Amino acid sequence: MDDEKPVIEQAMETITTAVETTKDTAVTAVKKVRKAAKKVAKKVAPKKAAKKKAKKAAKKAAKKSSKKAAKKTAKKAAKKTAKKATKKKAGKARR
C-alpha cells in the first residue's frame, strides 16, 4: 500500500475494488444461470408440448370412437325395432 495516501483512503479503495469485483462476478453468475435456464427450457418445452398434443389427440380419438359407437348402437336399435315391428305385423296378418 502507498504510504503517501491516508489509511482511510487506501481502505476505501480496497473496499471499492472488492465490491466491484463481487458485483461483476454476481452479474456473470446471473448471466450463466439465465443461459442454463434457457437451455433447460428449450429441452423441456418440446416435451411438454408433445405431451399436451398427445393428450389432446387421445381425447379427440376417444370422442370420435364414442361418437361412432353411439351411432352404431342407434343404428342397431333402429334395425331391431324395425324387425320387431315387421314381425308383429307378420304375426297379426297370419291370424
C-alpha atoms as a PDB file:
ATOM      1  CA  MET A   1       0.000   0.000   0.000  1.00  0.00           C
ATOM      2  CA  ASP A   2       1.052   3.552  -0.589  1.00  0.00           C
ATOM      3  CA  ASP A   3       2.477   5.424   2.340  1.00  0.00           C
ATOM      4  CA  GLU A   4       1.576   8.749   0.759  1.00  0.00           C
ATOM      5  CA  LYS A   5      -2.199   8.098   0.815  1.00  0.00           C
ATOM      6  CA  PRO A   6      -4.079   8.202   4.107  1.00  0.00           C
ATOM      7  CA  VAL A   7      -5.108   4.839   5.575  1.00  0.00           C
ATOM      8  CA  ILE A   8      -8.824   5.602   5.248  1.00  0.00           C
ATOM      9  CA  GLU A   9      -8.461   6.366   1.549  1.00  0.00           C
ATOM     10  CA  GLN A  10      -6.492   3.167   0.966  1.00  0.00           C
ATOM     11  CA  ALA A  11      -9.134   1.153   2.830  1.00  0.00           C
ATOM     12  CA  MET A  12     -11.925   2.772   0.789  1.00  0.00           C
ATOM     13  CA  GLU A  13     -10.141   1.933  -2.468  1.00  0.00           C
ATOM     14  CA  THR A  14      -9.678  -1.670  -1.405  1.00  0.00           C
ATOM     15  CA  ILE A  15     -13.333  -1.980  -0.402  1.00  0.00           C
ATOM     16  CA  THR A  16     -14.499  -0.344  -3.654  1.00  0.00           C
ATOM     17  CA  THR A  17     -12.372  -2.711  -5.718  1.00  0.00           C
ATOM     18  CA  ALA A  18     -13.703  -5.702  -3.780  1.00  0.00           C
ATOM     19  CA  VAL A  19     -17.291  -4.530  -4.255  1.00  0.00           C
ATOM     20  CA  GLU A  20     -16.825  -4.010  -7.985  1.00  0.00           C
ATOM     21  CA  THR A  21     -15.238  -7.427  -8.379  1.00  0.00           C
ATOM     22  CA  THR A  22     -18.039  -9.057  -6.410  1.00  0.00           C
ATOM     23  CA  LYS A  23     -20.631  -7.218  -8.485  1.00  0.00           C
ATOM     24  CA  ASP A  24     -19.015  -8.312 -11.741  1.00  0.00           C
ATOM     25  CA  THR A  25     -18.847 -11.892 -10.511  1.00  0.00           C
ATOM     26  CA  ALA A  26     -22.508 -11.797  -9.471  1.00  0.00           C
ATOM     27  CA  VAL A  27     -23.556 -10.377 -12.848  1.00  0.00           C
ATOM     28  CA  THR A  28     -21.580 -13.073 -14.664  1.00  0.00           C
ATOM     29  CA  ALA A  29     -23.113 -15.774 -12.462  1.00  0.00           C
ATOM     30  CA  VAL A  30     -26.629 -14.475 -13.146  1.00  0.00           C
ATOM     31  CA  LYS A  31     -25.954 -14.450 -16.889  1.00  0.00           C
ATOM     32  CA  LYS A  32     -24.695 -18.034 -16.755  1.00  0.00           C
ATOM     33  CA  VAL A  33     -27.700 -19.164 -14.749  1.00  0.00           C
ATOM     34  CA  ARG A  34     -30.069 -17.468 -17.208  1.00  0.00           C
ATOM     35  CA  LYS A  35     -28.337 -19.131 -20.138  1.00  0.00           C
ATOM     36  CA  ALA A  36     -28.538 -22.527 -18.463  1.00  0.00           C
ATOM     37  CA  ALA A  37     -32.203 -21.985 -17.617  1.00  0.00           C
ATOM     38  CA  LYS A  38     -32.944 -21.112 -21.239  1.00  0.00           C
ATOM     39  CA  LYS A  39     -31.214 -24.292 -22.400  1.00  0.00           C
ATOM     40  CA  VAL A  40     -33.236 -26.373 -19.978  1.00  0.00           C
ATOM     41  CA  ALA A  41     -36.434 -24.626 -21.015  1.00  0.00           C
ATOM     42  CA  LYS A  42     -35.679 -25.360 -24.660  1.00  0.00           C
ATOM     43  CA  LYS A  43     -35.232 -29.036 -23.870  1.00  0.00           C
ATOM     44  CA  VAL A  44     -38.272 -29.321 -21.606  1.00  0.00           C
ATOM     45  CA  ALA A  45     -40.722 -27.191 -23.620  1.00  0.00           C
ATOM     46  CA  PRO A  46     -40.968 -29.504 -26.649  1.00  0.00           C
ATOM     47  CA  LYS A  47     -41.584 -32.488 -24.389  1.00  0.00           C
ATOM     48  CA  LYS A  48     -44.366 -30.631 -22.635  1.00  0.00           C
ATOM     49  CA  ALA A  49     -45.880 -29.570 -25.938  1.00  0.00           C
ATOM     50  CA  ALA A  50     -45.668 -33.113 -27.277  1.00  0.00           C
ATOM     51  CA  LYS A  51     -47.311 -34.439 -24.121  1.00  0.00           C
ATOM     52  CA  LYS A  52     -50.081 -31.874 -24.445  1.00  0.00           C
ATOM     53  CA  LYS A  53     -50.525 -32.734 -28.118  1.00  0.00           C
ATOM     54  CA  ALA A  54     -50.683 -36.448 -27.365  1.00  0.00           C
ATOM     55  CA  LYS A  55     -53.222 -35.837 -24.622  1.00  0.00           C
ATOM     56  CA  LYS A  56     -55.347 -33.756 -26.977  1.00  0.00           C
ATOM     57  CA  ALA A  57     -55.110 -36.395 -29.704  1.00  0.00           C
ATOM     58  CA  ALA A  58     -56.122 -39.121 -27.264  1.00  0.00           C
ATOM     59  CA  LYS A  59     -59.067 -37.043 -26.137  1.00  0.00           C
ATOM     60  CA  LYS A  60     -60.096 -36.435 -29.737  1.00  0.00           C
ATOM     61  CA  ALA A  61     -59.779 -40.111 -30.599  1.00  0.00           C
ATOM     62  CA  ALA A  62     -61.836 -41.104 -27.586  1.00  0.00           C
ATOM     63  CA  LYS A  63     -64.506 -38.593 -28.534  1.00  0.00           C
ATOM     64  CA  LYS A  64     -64.539 -39.864 -32.118  1.00  0.00           C
ATOM     65  CA  SER A  65     -64.784 -43.505 -31.104  1.00  0.00           C
ATOM     66  CA  SER A  66     -67.546 -42.791 -28.610  1.00  0.00           C
ATOM     67  CA  LYS A  67     -69.473 -40.925 -31.307  1.00  0.00           C
ATOM     68  CA  LYS A  68     -69.024 -43.867 -33.681  1.00  0.00           C
ATOM     69  CA  ALA A  69     -70.166 -46.314 -31.030  1.00  0.00           C
ATOM     70  CA  ALA A  70     -73.212 -44.192 -30.276  1.00  0.00           C
ATOM     71  CA  LYS A  71     -74.097 -44.071 -33.971  1.00  0.00           C
ATOM     72  CA  LYS A  72     -73.683 -47.826 -34.284  1.00  0.00           C
ATOM     73  CA  THR A  73     -75.874 -48.568 -31.299  1.00  0.00           C
ATOM     74  CA  ALA A  74     -78.500 -46.152 -32.564  1.00  0.00           C
ATOM     75  CA  LYS A  75     -78.488 -47.881 -35.942  1.00  0.00           C
ATOM     76  CA  LYS A  76     -78.730 -51.321 -34.341  1.00  0.00           C
ATOM     77  CA  ALA A  77     -81.566 -50.217 -32.113  1.00  0.00           C
ATOM     78  CA  ALA A  78     -83.439 -48.798 -35.103  1.00  0.00           C
ATOM     79  CA  LYS A  79     -82.951 -52.036 -37.023  1.00  0.00           C
ATOM     80  CA  LYS A  80     -84.147 -54.120 -34.078  1.00  0.00           C
ATOM     81  CA  THR A  81     -87.274 -52.073 -33.610  1.00  0.00           C
ATOM     82  CA  ALA A  82     -87.965 -52.246 -37.336  1.00  0.00           C
ATOM     83  CA  LYS A  83     -87.535 -56.030 -37.253  1.00  0.00           C
ATOM     84  CA  LYS A  84     -89.807 -56.368 -34.240  1.00  0.00           C
ATOM     85  CA  ALA A  85     -92.427 -54.213 -35.895  1.00  0.00           C
ATOM     86  CA  THR A  86     -92.339 -56.284 -39.074  1.00  0.00           C
ATOM     87  CA  LYS A  87     -92.550 -59.479 -37.026  1.00  0.00           C
ATOM     88  CA  LYS A  88     -95.567 -58.175 -35.145  1.00  0.00           C
ATOM     89  CA  LYS A  89     -97.265 -57.174 -38.376  1.00  0.00           C
ATOM     90  CA  ALA A  90     -96.487 -60.548 -39.913  1.00  0.00           C
ATOM     91  CA  GLY A  91     -97.854 -62.275 -36.831  1.00  0.00           C
ATOM     92  CA  LYS A  92    -101.056 -60.271 -36.947  1.00  0.00           C
ATOM     93  CA  ALA A  93    -101.507 -60.924 -40.640  1.00  0.00           C
ATOM     94  CA  ARG A  94    -101.309 -64.699 -40.078  1.00  0.00           C
ATOM     95  CA  ARG A  95    -104.085 -64.665 -37.526  1.00  0.00           C
END
